[in-house]
Amino acid sequence: MNEKKRASSADKMVNVIIGIVIVAFIAVGVYATYGKIAEGIETKAIESGEKEATVSYLAKQAGMTVEDYLAQYGLTVGDAVNDNSTQTEMEDNMTVENYLKYTGDTQDVNEMITGMGLEGKATKDTLWKDFLPMAPAVSVLGGEEAFNQAKEQLGLGDEVTTDITWGDFEKSMQ
């Protein structure tokens, strides 16, 4: 006769301890690999265009620390820009001079400001987020032909002319 032995309280305690050990191992494994998995998921999303690049991603691509990467464009890690900031947030907080450096534009910043008719309104130290809304939309869009195409595609009326600023052009798009 094969009778089952009743589980004693010691057997139950051993089962509980085994369960706790298993859960602890799983928790440690998840903790140890979560950062790498999350980083891999974020990198894949950025590379596929589903997510905007972050400062930490851009710095890693350049083989630099976040601090060194930002420093080359006159930025520091702080409230305005940190390693999780998007590329757009980083660009917005650059001066016009550093933005041109970042984009690889070799045009002299003062010539660009003069060419856009913004002398007296902007300097090389103006932040990009403050400069762009003041710039003529025709310049931002790359010329009169591109401006007219954008205007037509967006269904904007005759009240939108080539002398409109980018900030006002964006408002009219909305």
N, C-alpha and C. Protein backbone atom coordinates (compact mmCIF):
# COMPACT_ATOMS: atom_id res chain seq x y z
N MET A 1 0.81 -1.17 0.00
CA MET A 1 0.00 0.00 0.00
C MET A 1 0.87 1.25 0.00
N ASN A 2 0.44 2.12 -0.86
CA ASN A 2 1.20 3.34 -1.05
C ASN A 2 0.43 4.51 -0.44
N GLU A 3 0.73 4.83 0.76
CA GLU A 3 0.03 5.93 1.42
C GLU A 3 0.86 7.20 1.33
N LYS A 4 0.18 8.31 1.08
CA LYS A 4 0.88 9.59 1.02
C LYS A 4 1.12 10.10 2.42
N LYS A 5 2.31 10.58 2.60
CA LYS A 5 2.67 11.16 3.88
C LYS A 5 2.15 12.59 3.92
N ARG A 6 1.59 12.93 4.98
CA ARG A 6 1.07 14.27 5.15
C ARG A 6 2.21 15.27 5.29
N ALA A 7 2.10 16.43 4.61
CA ALA A 7 3.17 17.43 4.68
C ALA A 7 3.22 18.02 6.08
N SER A 8 4.39 17.98 6.63
CA SER A 8 4.58 18.55 7.97
C SER A 8 4.82 20.05 7.83
N SER A 9 4.82 20.72 8.94
CA SER A 9 5.06 22.17 8.90
C SER A 9 6.49 22.44 8.45
N ALA A 10 7.43 21.56 8.71
CA ALA A 10 8.80 21.73 8.23
C ALA A 10 8.86 21.62 6.72
N ASP A 11 8.09 20.69 6.14
CA ASP A 11 8.04 20.56 4.68
C ASP A 11 7.45 21.82 4.05
N LYS A 12 6.43 22.35 4.65
CA LYS A 12 5.81 23.57 4.13
C LYS A 12 6.79 24.74 4.20
N MET A 13 7.55 24.82 5.28
CA MET A 13 8.52 25.89 5.46
C MET A 13 9.62 25.78 4.40
N VAL A 14 10.07 24.58 4.09
CA VAL A 14 11.09 24.37 3.06
C VAL A 14 10.55 24.82 1.70
N ASN A 15 9.30 24.50 1.41
CA ASN A 15 8.68 24.93 0.15
C ASN A 15 8.59 26.45 0.05
N VAL A 16 8.25 27.09 1.14
CA VAL A 16 8.16 28.55 1.16
C VAL A 16 9.55 29.15 0.93
N ILE A 17 10.57 28.60 1.59
CA ILE A 17 11.93 29.11 1.43
C ILE A 17 12.40 28.92 -0.01
N ILE A 18 12.11 27.77 -0.60
CA ILE A 18 12.49 27.52 -2.00
C ILE A 18 11.79 28.54 -2.91
N GLY A 19 10.52 28.82 -2.66
CA GLY A 19 9.78 29.81 -3.44
C GLY A 19 10.39 31.20 -3.31
N ILE A 20 10.76 31.57 -2.11
CA ILE A 20 11.37 32.89 -1.87
C ILE A 20 12.71 32.99 -2.60
N VAL A 21 13.50 31.93 -2.56
CA VAL A 21 14.80 31.92 -3.23
C VAL A 21 14.61 32.06 -4.75
N ILE A 22 13.63 31.36 -5.29
CA ILE A 22 13.36 31.45 -6.74
C ILE A 22 12.94 32.87 -7.12
N VAL A 23 12.04 33.45 -6.35
CA VAL A 23 11.59 34.82 -6.61
C VAL A 23 12.76 35.79 -6.50
N ALA A 24 13.64 35.59 -5.50
CA ALA A 24 14.80 36.46 -5.32
C ALA A 24 15.73 36.37 -6.53
N PHE A 25 15.97 35.15 -7.03
CA PHE A 25 16.83 35.00 -8.21
C PHE A 25 16.22 35.69 -9.43
N ILE A 26 14.94 35.56 -9.60
CA ILE A 26 14.27 36.21 -10.73
C ILE A 26 14.39 37.73 -10.59
N ALA A 27 14.17 38.25 -9.38
CA ALA A 27 14.25 39.69 -9.15
C ALA A 27 15.66 40.21 -9.43
N VAL A 28 16.67 39.50 -8.96
CA VAL A 28 18.06 39.91 -9.19
C VAL A 28 18.37 39.86 -10.69
N GLY A 29 17.89 38.85 -11.38
CA GLY A 29 18.11 38.74 -12.82
C GLY A 29 17.47 39.88 -13.59
N VAL A 30 16.25 40.21 -13.23
CA VAL A 30 15.56 41.32 -13.88
C VAL A 30 16.28 42.63 -13.60
N TYR A 31 16.68 42.83 -12.36
CA TYR A 31 17.39 44.05 -11.97
C TYR A 31 18.70 44.17 -12.74
N ALA A 32 19.41 43.06 -12.87
CA ALA A 32 20.72 43.08 -13.53
C ALA A 32 20.61 43.31 -15.03
N THR A 33 19.54 42.89 -15.64
CA THR A 33 19.43 42.99 -17.10
C THR A 33 18.49 44.09 -17.58
N TYR A 34 17.70 44.68 -16.70
CA TYR A 34 16.70 45.66 -17.12
C TYR A 34 17.33 46.85 -17.85
N GLY A 35 18.42 47.39 -17.30
CA GLY A 35 19.06 48.56 -17.91
C GLY A 35 19.51 48.27 -19.33
N LYS A 36 20.13 47.14 -19.54
CA LYS A 36 20.60 46.76 -20.88
C LYS A 36 19.43 46.54 -21.83
N ILE A 37 18.41 45.87 -21.33
CA ILE A 37 17.23 45.60 -22.17
C ILE A 37 16.54 46.92 -22.54
N ALA A 38 16.35 47.78 -21.55
CA ALA A 38 15.69 49.07 -21.80
C ALA A 38 16.52 49.91 -22.76
N GLU A 39 17.84 49.91 -22.59
CA GLU A 39 18.72 50.67 -23.48
C GLU A 39 18.63 50.12 -24.90
N GLY A 40 18.59 48.81 -25.02
CA GLY A 40 18.46 48.19 -26.34
C GLY A 40 17.15 48.53 -27.00
N ILE A 41 16.08 48.53 -26.25
CA ILE A 41 14.76 48.88 -26.79
C ILE A 41 14.75 50.34 -27.24
N GLU A 42 15.32 51.22 -26.42
CA GLU A 42 15.36 52.64 -26.77
C GLU A 42 16.22 52.87 -28.01
N THR A 43 17.37 52.22 -28.07
CA THR A 43 18.26 52.36 -29.24
C THR A 43 17.56 51.90 -30.50
N LYS A 44 16.86 50.79 -30.42
CA LYS A 44 16.15 50.26 -31.59
C LYS A 44 15.05 51.23 -32.03
N ALA A 45 14.33 51.80 -31.06
CA ALA A 45 13.26 52.76 -31.38
C ALA A 45 13.84 54.02 -32.03
N ILE A 46 14.98 54.49 -31.55
CA ILE A 46 15.61 55.68 -32.12
C ILE A 46 16.08 55.39 -33.54
N GLU A 47 16.74 54.26 -33.71
CA GLU A 47 17.29 53.92 -35.03
C GLU A 47 16.20 53.65 -36.07
N SER A 48 15.03 53.21 -35.62
CA SER A 48 13.94 52.96 -36.56
C SER A 48 13.10 54.22 -36.82
N GLY A 49 13.39 55.29 -36.09
CA GLY A 49 12.66 56.54 -36.28
C GLY A 49 11.38 56.64 -35.48
N GLU A 50 11.13 55.67 -34.61
CA GLU A 50 9.92 55.70 -33.79
C GLU A 50 10.05 56.67 -32.63
N LYS A 51 11.29 56.98 -32.25
CA LYS A 51 11.55 57.84 -31.11
C LYS A 51 12.66 58.82 -31.49
N GLU A 52 12.58 60.02 -30.95
CA GLU A 52 13.62 61.01 -31.22
C GLU A 52 14.88 60.68 -30.43
N ALA A 53 16.02 60.93 -31.03
CA ALA A 53 17.30 60.67 -30.37
C ALA A 53 17.42 61.48 -29.09
N THR A 54 18.03 60.88 -28.08
CA THR A 54 18.30 61.56 -26.82
C THR A 54 19.75 62.00 -26.79
N VAL A 55 20.06 62.88 -25.86
CA VAL A 55 21.43 63.35 -25.71
C VAL A 55 22.36 62.18 -25.39
N SER A 56 21.92 61.27 -24.53
CA SER A 56 22.79 60.13 -24.19
C SER A 56 23.04 59.26 -25.42
N TYR A 57 22.05 59.07 -26.26
CA TYR A 57 22.23 58.29 -27.49
C TYR A 57 23.22 59.00 -28.42
N LEU A 58 23.06 60.30 -28.61
CA LEU A 58 23.96 61.06 -29.49
C LEU A 58 25.39 61.03 -28.96
N ALA A 59 25.54 61.16 -27.65
CA ALA A 59 26.88 61.13 -27.05
C ALA A 59 27.51 59.76 -27.24
N LYS A 60 26.73 58.72 -27.04
CA LYS A 60 27.24 57.36 -27.22
C LYS A 60 27.66 57.14 -28.67
N GLN A 61 26.86 57.62 -29.62
CA GLN A 61 27.19 57.49 -31.03
C GLN A 61 28.50 58.21 -31.37
N ALA A 62 28.76 59.31 -30.66
CA ALA A 62 29.98 60.09 -30.89
C ALA A 62 31.16 59.54 -30.08
N GLY A 63 30.90 58.54 -29.24
CA GLY A 63 31.96 57.96 -28.42
C GLY A 63 32.43 58.90 -27.32
N MET A 64 31.49 59.67 -26.78
CA MET A 64 31.82 60.67 -25.77
C MET A 64 30.90 60.53 -24.56
N THR A 65 31.31 61.15 -23.46
CA THR A 65 30.41 61.23 -22.32
C THR A 65 29.37 62.31 -22.63
N VAL A 66 28.26 62.27 -21.93
CA VAL A 66 27.22 63.28 -22.14
C VAL A 66 27.78 64.67 -21.85
N GLU A 67 28.56 64.80 -20.78
CA GLU A 67 29.13 66.09 -20.40
C GLU A 67 30.02 66.65 -21.50
N ASP A 68 30.91 65.79 -22.04
CA ASP A 68 31.82 66.24 -23.10
C ASP A 68 31.07 66.56 -24.38
N TYR A 69 30.07 65.75 -24.68
CA TYR A 69 29.28 65.97 -25.89
C TYR A 69 28.58 67.32 -25.84
N LEU A 70 27.95 67.61 -24.71
CA LEU A 70 27.26 68.89 -24.56
C LEU A 70 28.22 70.07 -24.53
N ALA A 71 29.37 69.87 -23.88
CA ALA A 71 30.35 70.96 -23.74
C ALA A 71 30.84 71.48 -25.08
N GLN A 72 30.96 70.60 -26.07
CA GLN A 72 31.44 71.06 -27.38
C GLN A 72 30.47 72.03 -28.05
N TYR A 73 29.24 72.06 -27.56
CA TYR A 73 28.23 72.99 -28.10
C TYR A 73 27.81 74.04 -27.07
N GLY A 74 28.66 74.24 -26.08
CA GLY A 74 28.42 75.28 -25.09
C GLY A 74 27.31 74.97 -24.09
N LEU A 75 26.98 73.69 -23.94
CA LEU A 75 25.91 73.29 -23.02
C LEU A 75 26.49 72.50 -21.86
N THR A 76 25.75 72.50 -20.75
CA THR A 76 26.11 71.68 -19.60
C THR A 76 24.88 70.90 -19.15
N VAL A 77 25.14 69.82 -18.45
CA VAL A 77 24.03 69.04 -17.90
C VAL A 77 23.39 69.87 -16.80
N GLY A 78 22.09 70.03 -16.87
CA GLY A 78 21.37 70.83 -15.89
C GLY A 78 19.89 70.72 -16.09
N ASP A 79 19.18 71.77 -15.70
CA ASP A 79 17.73 71.77 -15.80
C ASP A 79 17.24 71.80 -17.25
N ALA A 80 17.91 72.58 -18.10
CA ALA A 80 17.47 72.74 -19.48
C ALA A 80 17.80 71.52 -20.34
N VAL A 81 18.96 70.92 -20.12
CA VAL A 81 19.40 69.79 -20.92
C VAL A 81 20.05 68.75 -20.01
N ASN A 82 19.62 67.49 -20.18
CA ASN A 82 20.26 66.39 -19.45
C ASN A 82 20.38 65.20 -20.40
N ASP A 83 20.84 64.07 -19.90
CA ASP A 83 21.09 62.92 -20.77
C ASP A 83 19.81 62.37 -21.40
N ASN A 84 18.65 62.62 -20.80
CA ASN A 84 17.39 62.14 -21.35
C ASN A 84 16.68 63.16 -22.23
N SER A 85 17.26 64.35 -22.38
CA SER A 85 16.66 65.38 -23.24
C SER A 85 16.70 64.90 -24.69
N THR A 86 15.71 65.33 -25.45
CA THR A 86 15.68 64.97 -26.87
C THR A 86 16.66 65.84 -27.65
N GLN A 87 16.93 65.42 -28.85
CA GLN A 87 17.81 66.19 -29.73
C GLN A 87 17.24 67.59 -29.95
N THR A 88 15.94 67.70 -30.13
CA THR A 88 15.31 69.01 -30.34
C THR A 88 15.49 69.91 -29.13
N GLU A 89 15.30 69.35 -27.93
CA GLU A 89 15.49 70.14 -26.71
C GLU A 89 16.92 70.63 -26.60
N MET A 90 17.86 69.77 -26.96
CA MET A 90 19.28 70.15 -26.93
C MET A 90 19.53 71.28 -27.92
N GLU A 91 19.05 71.12 -29.15
CA GLU A 91 19.25 72.14 -30.18
C GLU A 91 18.63 73.47 -29.77
N ASP A 92 17.43 73.43 -29.20
CA ASP A 92 16.74 74.65 -28.78
C ASP A 92 17.55 75.45 -27.77
N ASN A 93 18.35 74.79 -26.96
CA ASN A 93 19.11 75.47 -25.92
C ASN A 93 20.52 75.86 -26.34
N MET A 94 20.86 75.63 -27.61
CA MET A 94 22.15 76.07 -28.14
C MET A 94 22.04 77.52 -28.58
N THR A 95 23.16 78.21 -28.55
CA THR A 95 23.19 79.54 -29.14
C THR A 95 23.18 79.36 -30.66
N VAL A 96 22.88 80.42 -31.37
CA VAL A 96 22.86 80.36 -32.83
C VAL A 96 24.23 79.92 -33.34
N GLU A 97 25.27 80.48 -32.75
CA GLU A 97 26.64 80.13 -33.17
C GLU A 97 26.91 78.64 -32.98
N ASN A 98 26.54 78.09 -31.82
CA ASN A 98 26.77 76.68 -31.56
C ASN A 98 25.84 75.79 -32.39
N TYR A 99 24.65 76.28 -32.71
CA TYR A 99 23.76 75.50 -33.57
C TYR A 99 24.37 75.34 -34.96
N LEU A 100 24.93 76.42 -35.48
CA LEU A 100 25.59 76.33 -36.79
C LEU A 100 26.76 75.34 -36.73
N LYS A 101 27.50 75.39 -35.65
CA LYS A 101 28.62 74.44 -35.46
C LYS A 101 28.07 73.01 -35.42
N TYR A 102 26.99 72.80 -34.69
CA TYR A 102 26.38 71.48 -34.55
C TYR A 102 25.91 70.93 -35.89
N THR A 103 25.30 71.76 -36.71
CA THR A 103 24.79 71.31 -38.00
C THR A 103 25.87 71.24 -39.07
N GLY A 104 27.05 71.76 -38.76
CA GLY A 104 28.14 71.72 -39.73
C GLY A 104 28.08 72.86 -40.73
N ASP A 105 27.22 73.83 -40.48
CA ASP A 105 27.09 74.98 -41.37
C ASP A 105 28.31 75.88 -41.18
N THR A 106 29.01 76.17 -42.25
CA THR A 106 30.23 76.98 -42.16
C THR A 106 29.97 78.47 -42.36
N GLN A 107 28.72 78.83 -42.57
CA GLN A 107 28.36 80.23 -42.76
C GLN A 107 28.68 81.02 -41.49
N ASP A 108 29.19 82.21 -41.66
CA ASP A 108 29.46 83.09 -40.53
C ASP A 108 28.14 83.48 -39.89
N VAL A 109 28.08 83.37 -38.58
CA VAL A 109 26.82 83.62 -37.86
C VAL A 109 26.34 85.06 -38.05
N ASN A 110 27.26 86.01 -38.05
CA ASN A 110 26.85 87.40 -38.22
C ASN A 110 26.32 87.66 -39.63
N GLU A 111 26.92 87.02 -40.63
CA GLU A 111 26.42 87.14 -42.00
C GLU A 111 25.02 86.54 -42.12
N MET A 112 24.80 85.42 -41.44
CA MET A 112 23.48 84.79 -41.47
C MET A 112 22.43 85.69 -40.84
N ILE A 113 22.76 86.26 -39.70
CA ILE A 113 21.83 87.16 -39.00
C ILE A 113 21.51 88.36 -39.88
N THR A 114 22.53 88.94 -40.49
CA THR A 114 22.34 90.09 -41.38
C THR A 114 21.52 89.68 -42.60
N GLY A 115 21.84 88.54 -43.17
CA GLY A 115 21.13 88.05 -44.35
C GLY A 115 19.65 87.82 -44.10
N MET A 116 19.31 87.49 -42.88
CA MET A 116 17.90 87.26 -42.53
C MET A 116 17.22 88.54 -42.06
N GLY A 117 17.98 89.62 -42.01
CA GLY A 117 17.41 90.89 -41.58
C GLY A 117 17.13 90.95 -40.09
N LEU A 118 17.92 90.23 -39.32
CA LEU A 118 17.68 90.17 -37.87
C LEU A 118 18.74 90.91 -37.05
N GLU A 119 19.56 91.75 -37.71
CA GLU A 119 20.52 92.51 -36.93
C GLU A 119 19.77 93.43 -35.98
N GLY A 120 20.28 93.52 -34.79
CA GLY A 120 19.60 94.30 -33.74
C GLY A 120 18.55 93.49 -32.99
N LYS A 121 18.10 92.38 -33.56
CA LYS A 121 17.11 91.52 -32.90
C LYS A 121 17.76 90.26 -32.34
N ALA A 122 18.82 89.80 -33.01
CA ALA A 122 19.48 88.56 -32.61
C ALA A 122 20.99 88.74 -32.67
N THR A 123 21.68 87.95 -31.86
CA THR A 123 23.14 87.93 -31.87
C THR A 123 23.58 86.48 -31.95
N LYS A 124 24.88 86.28 -32.02
CA LYS A 124 25.40 84.92 -32.06
C LYS A 124 25.10 84.16 -30.76
N ASP A 125 24.78 84.89 -29.69
CA ASP A 125 24.50 84.27 -28.38
C ASP A 125 23.00 84.07 -28.12
N THR A 126 22.17 84.43 -29.09
CA THR A 126 20.73 84.19 -28.96
C THR A 126 20.49 82.69 -28.99
N LEU A 127 19.61 82.21 -28.12
CA LEU A 127 19.29 80.78 -28.13
C LEU A 127 18.51 80.43 -29.39
N TRP A 128 18.75 79.24 -29.90
CA TRP A 128 18.10 78.80 -31.13
C TRP A 128 16.58 78.84 -31.00
N LYS A 129 16.05 78.47 -29.83
CA LYS A 129 14.60 78.47 -29.64
C LYS A 129 14.01 79.88 -29.69
N ASP A 130 14.84 80.91 -29.43
CA ASP A 130 14.39 82.29 -29.52
C ASP A 130 14.63 82.86 -30.92
N PHE A 131 15.68 82.36 -31.56
CA PHE A 131 16.06 82.85 -32.89
C PHE A 131 15.09 82.37 -33.98
N LEU A 132 14.80 81.09 -33.97
CA LEU A 132 14.01 80.49 -35.05
C LEU A 132 12.65 81.16 -35.27
N PRO A 133 11.88 81.45 -34.22
CA PRO A 133 10.58 82.10 -34.45
C PRO A 133 10.69 83.49 -35.09
N MET A 134 11.85 84.16 -34.90
CA MET A 134 12.05 85.50 -35.49
C MET A 134 12.47 85.42 -36.95
N ALA A 135 13.03 84.30 -37.35
CA ALA A 135 13.59 84.18 -38.71
C ALA A 135 12.49 84.19 -39.75
N PRO A 136 12.78 84.74 -40.93
CA PRO A 136 11.79 84.71 -42.01
C PRO A 136 11.47 83.28 -42.41
N ALA A 137 10.20 82.97 -42.54
CA ALA A 137 9.78 81.61 -42.90
C ALA A 137 10.37 81.18 -44.23
N VAL A 138 10.49 82.13 -45.16
CA VAL A 138 11.03 81.80 -46.47
C VAL A 138 12.47 81.30 -46.34
N SER A 139 13.23 81.84 -45.39
CA SER A 139 14.61 81.40 -45.17
C SER A 139 14.65 80.03 -44.50
N VAL A 140 13.79 79.83 -43.53
CA VAL A 140 13.75 78.56 -42.81
C VAL A 140 13.37 77.43 -43.75
N LEU A 141 12.43 77.70 -44.65
CA LEU A 141 11.95 76.66 -45.56
C LEU A 141 12.87 76.44 -46.76
N GLY A 142 13.85 77.31 -46.95
CA GLY A 142 14.82 77.09 -48.01
C GLY A 142 14.55 77.83 -49.30
N GLY A 143 13.85 78.93 -49.25
CA GLY A 143 13.63 79.73 -50.45
C GLY A 143 12.16 79.92 -50.77
N GLU A 144 11.94 80.82 -51.73
CA GLU A 144 10.57 81.20 -52.07
C GLU A 144 9.78 80.06 -52.68
N GLU A 145 10.43 79.24 -53.51
CA GLU A 145 9.73 78.11 -54.13
C GLU A 145 9.25 77.12 -53.07
N ALA A 146 10.13 76.78 -52.13
CA ALA A 146 9.76 75.85 -51.06
C ALA A 146 8.67 76.47 -50.18
N PHE A 147 8.77 77.79 -49.94
CA PHE A 147 7.76 78.49 -49.15
C PHE A 147 6.39 78.38 -49.82
N ASN A 148 6.35 78.65 -51.13
CA ASN A 148 5.08 78.60 -51.86
C ASN A 148 4.51 77.17 -51.89
N GLN A 149 5.37 76.18 -52.03
CA GLN A 149 4.92 74.79 -52.00
C GLN A 149 4.31 74.45 -50.64
N ALA A 150 4.99 74.84 -49.57
CA ALA A 150 4.49 74.56 -48.23
C ALA A 150 3.16 75.27 -48.00
N LYS A 151 3.09 76.50 -48.44
CA LYS A 151 1.87 77.29 -48.29
C LYS A 151 0.71 76.62 -49.03
N GLU A 152 0.97 76.14 -50.24
CA GLU A 152 -0.06 75.48 -51.04
C GLU A 152 -0.48 74.15 -50.40
N GLN A 153 0.48 73.36 -49.97
CA GLN A 153 0.17 72.06 -49.36
C GLN A 153 -0.63 72.21 -48.08
N LEU A 154 -0.36 73.28 -47.35
CA LEU A 154 -1.07 73.51 -46.09
C LEU A 154 -2.39 74.24 -46.29
N GLY A 155 -2.64 74.68 -47.50
CA GLY A 155 -3.89 75.39 -47.79
C GLY A 155 -3.97 76.75 -47.13
N LEU A 156 -2.84 77.43 -47.04
CA LEU A 156 -2.81 78.76 -46.42
C LEU A 156 -3.20 79.82 -47.45
N GLY A 157 -3.88 80.83 -47.00
CA GLY A 157 -4.39 81.86 -47.90
C GLY A 157 -3.38 82.93 -48.25
N ASP A 158 -3.86 83.94 -48.94
CA ASP A 158 -3.01 85.04 -49.41
C ASP A 158 -2.51 85.93 -48.28
N GLU A 159 -3.11 85.80 -47.11
CA GLU A 159 -2.64 86.61 -45.97
C GLU A 159 -1.26 86.16 -45.51
N VAL A 160 -0.84 84.94 -45.90
CA VAL A 160 0.49 84.44 -45.56
C VAL A 160 1.41 84.80 -46.72
N THR A 161 2.30 85.76 -46.44
CA THR A 161 3.22 86.24 -47.48
C THR A 161 4.65 85.88 -47.13
N THR A 162 5.55 86.13 -48.06
CA THR A 162 6.95 85.75 -47.88
C THR A 162 7.65 86.53 -46.78
N ASP A 163 7.05 87.59 -46.27
CA ASP A 163 7.71 88.33 -45.20
C ASP A 163 7.24 87.89 -43.80
N ILE A 164 6.53 86.80 -43.71
CA ILE A 164 6.06 86.29 -42.43
C ILE A 164 7.23 85.61 -41.69
N THR A 165 7.23 85.73 -40.37
CA THR A 165 8.27 85.05 -39.58
C THR A 165 7.92 83.57 -39.44
N TRP A 166 8.91 82.79 -39.09
CA TRP A 166 8.69 81.36 -38.90
C TRP A 166 7.69 81.12 -37.77
N GLY A 167 7.80 81.88 -36.69
CA GLY A 167 6.87 81.73 -35.57
C GLY A 167 5.43 81.97 -35.99
N ASP A 168 5.20 83.03 -36.78
CA ASP A 168 3.84 83.31 -37.26
C ASP A 168 3.39 82.27 -38.29
N PHE A 169 4.33 81.78 -39.09
CA PHE A 169 4.00 80.75 -40.08
C PHE A 169 3.56 79.47 -39.36
N GLU A 170 4.27 79.11 -38.29
CA GLU A 170 3.88 77.92 -37.52
C GLU A 170 2.48 78.11 -36.92
N LYS A 171 2.19 79.30 -36.42
CA LYS A 171 0.84 79.56 -35.87
C LYS A 171 -0.23 79.43 -36.94
N SER A 172 0.07 79.91 -38.14
CA SER A 172 -0.93 79.82 -39.21
C SER A 172 -1.11 78.37 -39.68
N MET A 173 -0.10 77.52 -39.50
CA MET A 173 -0.24 76.11 -39.84
C MET A 173 -1.21 75.40 -38.90
N GLN A 174 -1.29 75.89 -37.67
CA GLN A 174 -2.15 75.27 -36.68
C GLN A 174 -3.58 75.72 -36.88
